[in-house]
Protein backbone atom coordinates (compact mmCIF):
# COMPACT_ATOMS: atom_id res chain seq x y z
CA MET A 1 -17.77 -28.37 -56.12
CA ILE A 2 -19.06 -26.79 -53.12
CA ASN A 3 -22.01 -24.38 -53.15
CA SER A 4 -20.95 -21.24 -51.98
CA ARG A 5 -24.57 -20.55 -50.94
CA LEU A 6 -24.28 -23.21 -48.25
CA LEU A 7 -21.17 -21.78 -46.83
CA LEU A 8 -22.81 -18.23 -46.29
CA PRO A 9 -24.60 -18.99 -42.96
CA PHE A 10 -21.59 -20.36 -41.57
CA ILE A 11 -19.44 -17.29 -42.51
CA LEU A 12 -21.97 -15.22 -41.13
CA LEU A 13 -22.25 -17.11 -37.99
CA GLY A 14 -18.54 -17.10 -37.57
CA THR A 15 -18.40 -13.43 -38.10
CA THR A 16 -21.21 -12.63 -35.43
CA VAL A 17 -19.48 -15.07 -32.75
CA PHE A 18 -16.21 -13.08 -33.50
CA ALA A 19 -17.70 -9.70 -33.34
CA GLN A 20 -19.31 -10.58 -29.73
CA ASN A 21 -15.51 -10.72 -28.69
CA GLN A 22 -14.52 -7.31 -30.06
CA PHE A 23 -15.10 -4.13 -28.07
CA GLU A 24 -14.69 -0.36 -28.67
CA LEU A 25 -13.90 2.02 -25.89
CA LYS A 26 -13.88 5.91 -26.84
CA ASP A 27 -13.72 7.29 -23.26
CA ALA A 28 -10.91 4.91 -21.48
CA SER A 29 -8.10 7.09 -22.39
CA LYS A 30 -7.56 11.07 -23.17
CA ASN A 31 -5.33 10.20 -26.14
CA TYR A 32 -6.53 6.97 -27.64
CA ASP A 33 -9.61 5.02 -28.86
CA VAL A 34 -9.20 1.34 -27.82
CA LYS A 35 -10.46 -1.88 -29.63
CA ILE A 36 -10.15 -4.93 -27.75
CA ASN A 37 -10.22 -8.37 -29.32
CA VAL A 38 -10.62 -11.08 -26.64
CA GLU A 39 -10.41 -15.04 -27.12
CA ASN A 40 -13.73 -16.03 -25.20
CA CYS A 41 -16.88 -14.43 -23.74
CA ASP A 42 -19.57 -16.42 -22.26
CA LYS A 43 -22.55 -14.18 -21.08
CA GLU A 44 -21.20 -11.38 -18.96
CA GLU A 45 -17.64 -12.50 -18.50
CA CYS A 46 -14.72 -12.56 -21.10
CA LYS A 47 -11.16 -14.00 -20.72
CA GLY A 48 -8.28 -15.54 -22.46
CA LYS A 49 -5.65 -14.20 -24.89
CA ALA A 50 -6.58 -10.63 -26.14
CA THR A 51 -5.16 -7.90 -28.34
CA ILE A 52 -5.60 -4.16 -27.31
CA GLU A 53 -5.36 -1.90 -30.33
CA LEU A 54 -4.85 1.79 -29.59
CA PHE A 55 -5.65 4.39 -32.06
CA ASN A 56 -4.52 8.03 -31.82
CA LYS A 57 -7.61 10.32 -31.31
CA LYS A 58 -6.50 13.07 -33.44
CA THR A 59 -4.89 11.12 -36.69
CA PHE A 60 -7.45 8.07 -36.42
CA LYS A 61 -4.12 6.02 -37.14
CA LYS A 62 -3.23 2.84 -35.17
CA PHE A 63 -0.63 3.96 -32.53
CA GLN A 64 0.28 0.51 -31.00
CA THR A 65 -1.24 -3.04 -30.24
CA LEU A 66 -0.38 -4.57 -27.00
CA THR A 67 -1.52 -8.25 -25.93
CA SER A 68 -2.70 -9.98 -22.60
CA ASP A 69 -2.55 -13.96 -22.09
CA ASP A 70 -5.64 -13.62 -19.92
CA LEU A 71 -7.55 -10.51 -20.28
CA ASN A 72 -10.35 -11.49 -17.74
CA PHE A 73 -13.26 -9.07 -17.24
CA TYR A 74 -16.92 -8.78 -16.69
CA LEU A 75 -19.12 -6.81 -19.05
CA ASN A 76 -21.19 -3.66 -17.84
CA GLU A 77 -25.09 -2.80 -18.35
CA ASN A 78 -24.02 -2.00 -21.88
CA GLN A 79 -22.17 -5.18 -22.50
CA LYS A 80 -18.95 -3.58 -22.70
CA PRO A 81 -15.82 -3.73 -20.42
CA THR A 82 -15.24 -0.68 -18.14
CA ALA A 83 -12.00 1.04 -17.83
CA ASN A 84 -10.13 3.03 -14.91
CA ILE A 85 -12.14 1.40 -11.94
CA ILE A 86 -10.02 0.08 -9.37
CA GLN A 87 -11.91 -1.05 -6.25
CA LEU A 88 -10.15 -3.15 -3.49
CA TYR A 89 -12.38 -5.90 -3.03
CA ASP A 90 -14.56 -5.47 -6.15
CA GLU A 91 -14.39 -4.34 -9.79
CA GLN A 92 -11.22 -3.81 -11.30
CA SER A 93 -11.24 -2.97 -15.11
CA PRO A 94 -9.26 -4.69 -17.79
CA LEU A 95 -7.75 -1.26 -18.69
CA ILE A 96 -6.27 1.51 -16.60
CA PHE A 97 -4.94 4.71 -17.90
CA ASP A 98 -3.09 6.92 -15.92
CA ASP A 99 0.25 8.74 -15.38
CA PHE A 100 1.81 6.02 -13.27
CA ASN A 101 5.51 7.59 -13.11
CA PHE A 102 4.17 11.03 -12.70
CA ASP A 103 6.30 12.32 -15.96
CA GLY A 104 3.26 14.16 -17.59
CA THR A 105 2.54 11.37 -19.88
CA GLU A 106 -0.33 8.84 -20.00
CA ASP A 107 0.54 4.95 -19.04
CA ILE A 108 -1.73 2.01 -19.30
CA ALA A 109 -2.27 -1.15 -17.22
CA ILE A 110 -3.61 -4.24 -18.77
CA ARG A 111 -5.35 -7.14 -16.91
CA ASN A 112 -3.32 -10.26 -17.21
CA GLY A 113 -5.20 -13.23 -15.23
CA ASN A 114 -5.57 -13.52 -11.33
CA GLU A 115 -2.12 -13.88 -10.01
CA SER A 116 -2.11 -11.08 -7.30
CA SER A 117 -2.49 -11.91 -3.76
CA TYR A 118 -5.79 -14.19 -2.99
CA GLY A 119 -6.15 -14.84 -6.60
CA GLY A 120 -6.84 -11.13 -7.46
CA PRO A 121 -6.55 -9.22 -10.47
CA SER A 122 -2.95 -8.93 -11.85
CA TYR A 123 -1.77 -6.35 -14.38
CA ASP A 124 1.01 -5.75 -16.76
CA VAL A 125 2.04 -2.29 -16.64
CA TYR A 126 3.41 -0.07 -19.50
CA VAL A 127 4.73 3.50 -19.19
CA PHE A 128 5.12 5.85 -22.27
CA ASN A 129 8.63 6.16 -23.61
CA ILE A 130 9.18 9.57 -25.09
CA THR A 131 12.28 8.67 -26.73
CA ARG A 132 10.83 5.52 -28.35
CA LYS A 133 7.47 7.21 -28.66
CA GLN A 134 5.45 3.94 -27.46
CA PHE A 135 4.53 2.12 -24.44
CA VAL A 136 7.21 -0.13 -22.79
CA PRO A 137 6.92 -2.66 -20.28
CA SER A 138 7.58 -1.68 -16.67
CA GLU A 139 8.92 -4.66 -14.50
CA GLU A 140 8.86 -2.46 -11.12
CA LEU A 141 5.18 -1.50 -11.46
CA THR A 142 4.20 -4.81 -13.08
CA ALA A 143 5.54 -6.26 -9.81
CA LEU A 144 3.47 -3.91 -7.60
CA ALA A 145 0.40 -5.05 -9.39
CA HIS A 146 1.19 -8.80 -9.08
CA ASP A 147 2.76 -9.10 -5.39
CA ASN A 148 -0.35 -7.13 -3.80
CA LEU A 149 -4.01 -7.08 -3.64
CA GLY A 150 -4.60 -6.18 -7.50
CA MET A 151 -3.94 -2.91 -9.14
CA PHE A 152 -2.25 -0.16 -7.25
CA ASN A 153 -3.83 3.27 -6.74
CA THR A 154 -2.40 6.54 -8.09
CA ASP A 155 -2.37 9.69 -5.96
CA SER A 156 -1.35 12.33 -8.65
CA GLU A 157 -1.65 15.25 -6.20
CA ARG A 158 0.99 13.66 -3.72
CA LYS A 159 2.56 11.67 -6.62
CA ARG A 160 2.45 8.39 -4.57
CA LEU A 161 1.49 4.93 -5.77
CA ILE A 162 -0.47 3.04 -3.13
CA THR A 163 -0.64 -0.57 -2.66
CA TYR A 164 -2.79 -2.79 -0.16
CA SER A 165 -1.71 -6.15 1.27
CA LYS A 166 -3.22 -8.52 4.06
CA SER A 167 -2.73 -11.72 5.74
CA GLY A 168 -6.09 -13.41 6.64
CA CYS A 169 -8.84 -11.26 8.14
CA CYS A 170 -6.82 -9.48 10.56
CA TRP A 171 -3.51 -8.08 9.35
CA HIS A 172 -3.32 -5.34 6.73
CA ILE A 173 -0.72 -3.11 5.54
CA THR A 174 -0.85 0.00 3.36
CA THR A 175 2.20 0.93 1.41
CA GLU A 176 3.12 4.18 -0.33
CA TYR A 177 5.82 4.84 -2.99
CA SER A 178 7.15 7.79 -4.61
CA VAL A 179 8.77 7.57 -8.11
CA LEU A 180 12.32 8.92 -8.43
CA PRO A 181 13.44 10.00 -12.02
CA GLN A 182 16.05 7.49 -13.44
CA ARG A 183 16.07 5.44 -10.23
CA GLY A 184 12.41 3.98 -9.85
CA LEU A 185 10.20 3.19 -7.05
CA PHE A 186 11.22 4.40 -3.30
CA LYS A 187 8.94 3.35 -0.32
CA VAL A 188 8.11 6.17 1.80
CA TYR A 189 5.23 5.25 4.03
CA GLU A 190 3.66 2.17 5.78
CA LEU A 191 0.44 1.67 7.93
CA GLU A 192 0.15 -1.69 9.26
CA GLU A 193 -2.91 -2.74 11.24
CA ASP A 194 -2.51 -5.66 13.33
CA ALA A 195 -5.98 -7.24 14.94
CA MET A 196 -4.45 -10.70 15.28
CA GLY A 197 -4.85 -10.61 19.09
CA GLY A 198 -8.57 -10.42 18.84
CA GLU A 199 -9.29 -7.65 21.26
CA LYS A 200 -6.95 -4.91 20.19
CA VAL A 201 -5.39 -3.50 17.11
CA VAL A 202 -1.87 -2.63 16.98
CA VAL A 203 -1.37 0.33 14.46
CA THR A 204 2.02 0.99 13.33
CA LYS A 205 2.95 3.84 11.19
CA ARG A 206 6.07 4.44 9.36
CA GLU A 207 7.08 7.23 7.30
CA PHE A 208 10.56 8.18 5.70
CA ILE A 209 11.27 11.65 6.73
CA ASP A 210 14.50 13.55 6.13
CA ASP A 211 16.45 10.45 5.04
CA LYS A 212 15.50 8.46 7.90
CA TRP A 213 12.39 6.10 9.00
CA ILE A 214 10.36 7.39 11.92
CA GLN A 215 7.95 5.04 13.43
CA ASN A 216 4.78 5.53 15.71
CA VAL A 217 2.92 2.75 17.37
CA LYS A 218 -0.50 3.02 18.87
CA THR A 219 -2.96 0.39 20.36
CA TYR A 220 -6.71 0.66 19.98
CA PRO A 221 -9.64 -1.44 21.41
CA ILE A 222 -11.04 -3.22 18.26
CA ASN A 223 -14.52 -2.16 18.46
CA GLU A 224 -13.40 1.58 18.40
CA TYR A 225 -10.99 1.36 15.66
CA TYR A 226 -13.30 -0.56 13.38
CA LYS A 227 -16.60 1.24 14.60
CA ASP A 228 -17.46 2.52 11.14
């Protein structure tokens, strides 16, 4: 017969280790409290399979559970994951809450590995479906967060989604999309900065105005253009 008292330290140890991989976020979302369970945490970094549980702030009931195959993130000074931070060449939080399709409801992007350009963070994006009353995957928005430099930015005032891409040190492009109801993403602006020549930067601006693309090209000395 196994002595239950001998099992107790192992049970407590297991609970402690598991608890270290559980996090609660109260301020990440306007509408939901969040509980994160992630597979592995080592010092300041967590990664691996994870579940993200959303709880309605008003009813305290579980609203929906979402998953990630690799919710890779670092812990802040309070030993918690951050939320809603998108820094191009720095921190990008594991969870981003925002209205990505500008329909007035909160959506969510969940970190899933490092599959964007140059091994940067990639995200699975979910939009809130009013009819189904739950978050559903968006293939278009997920593609934006995989094919560029990490998570896209949201400009709620102009109702634009903004992505960034590059090739090496000297070619960059910023692209803006509008979201058309029932039709999806529509590219409306590009800013291309080409300094491959070394001494000068060729800046090409393209805008979709009155159902046609307008292009403007200017050349600047590289030291003048990048003086800041």
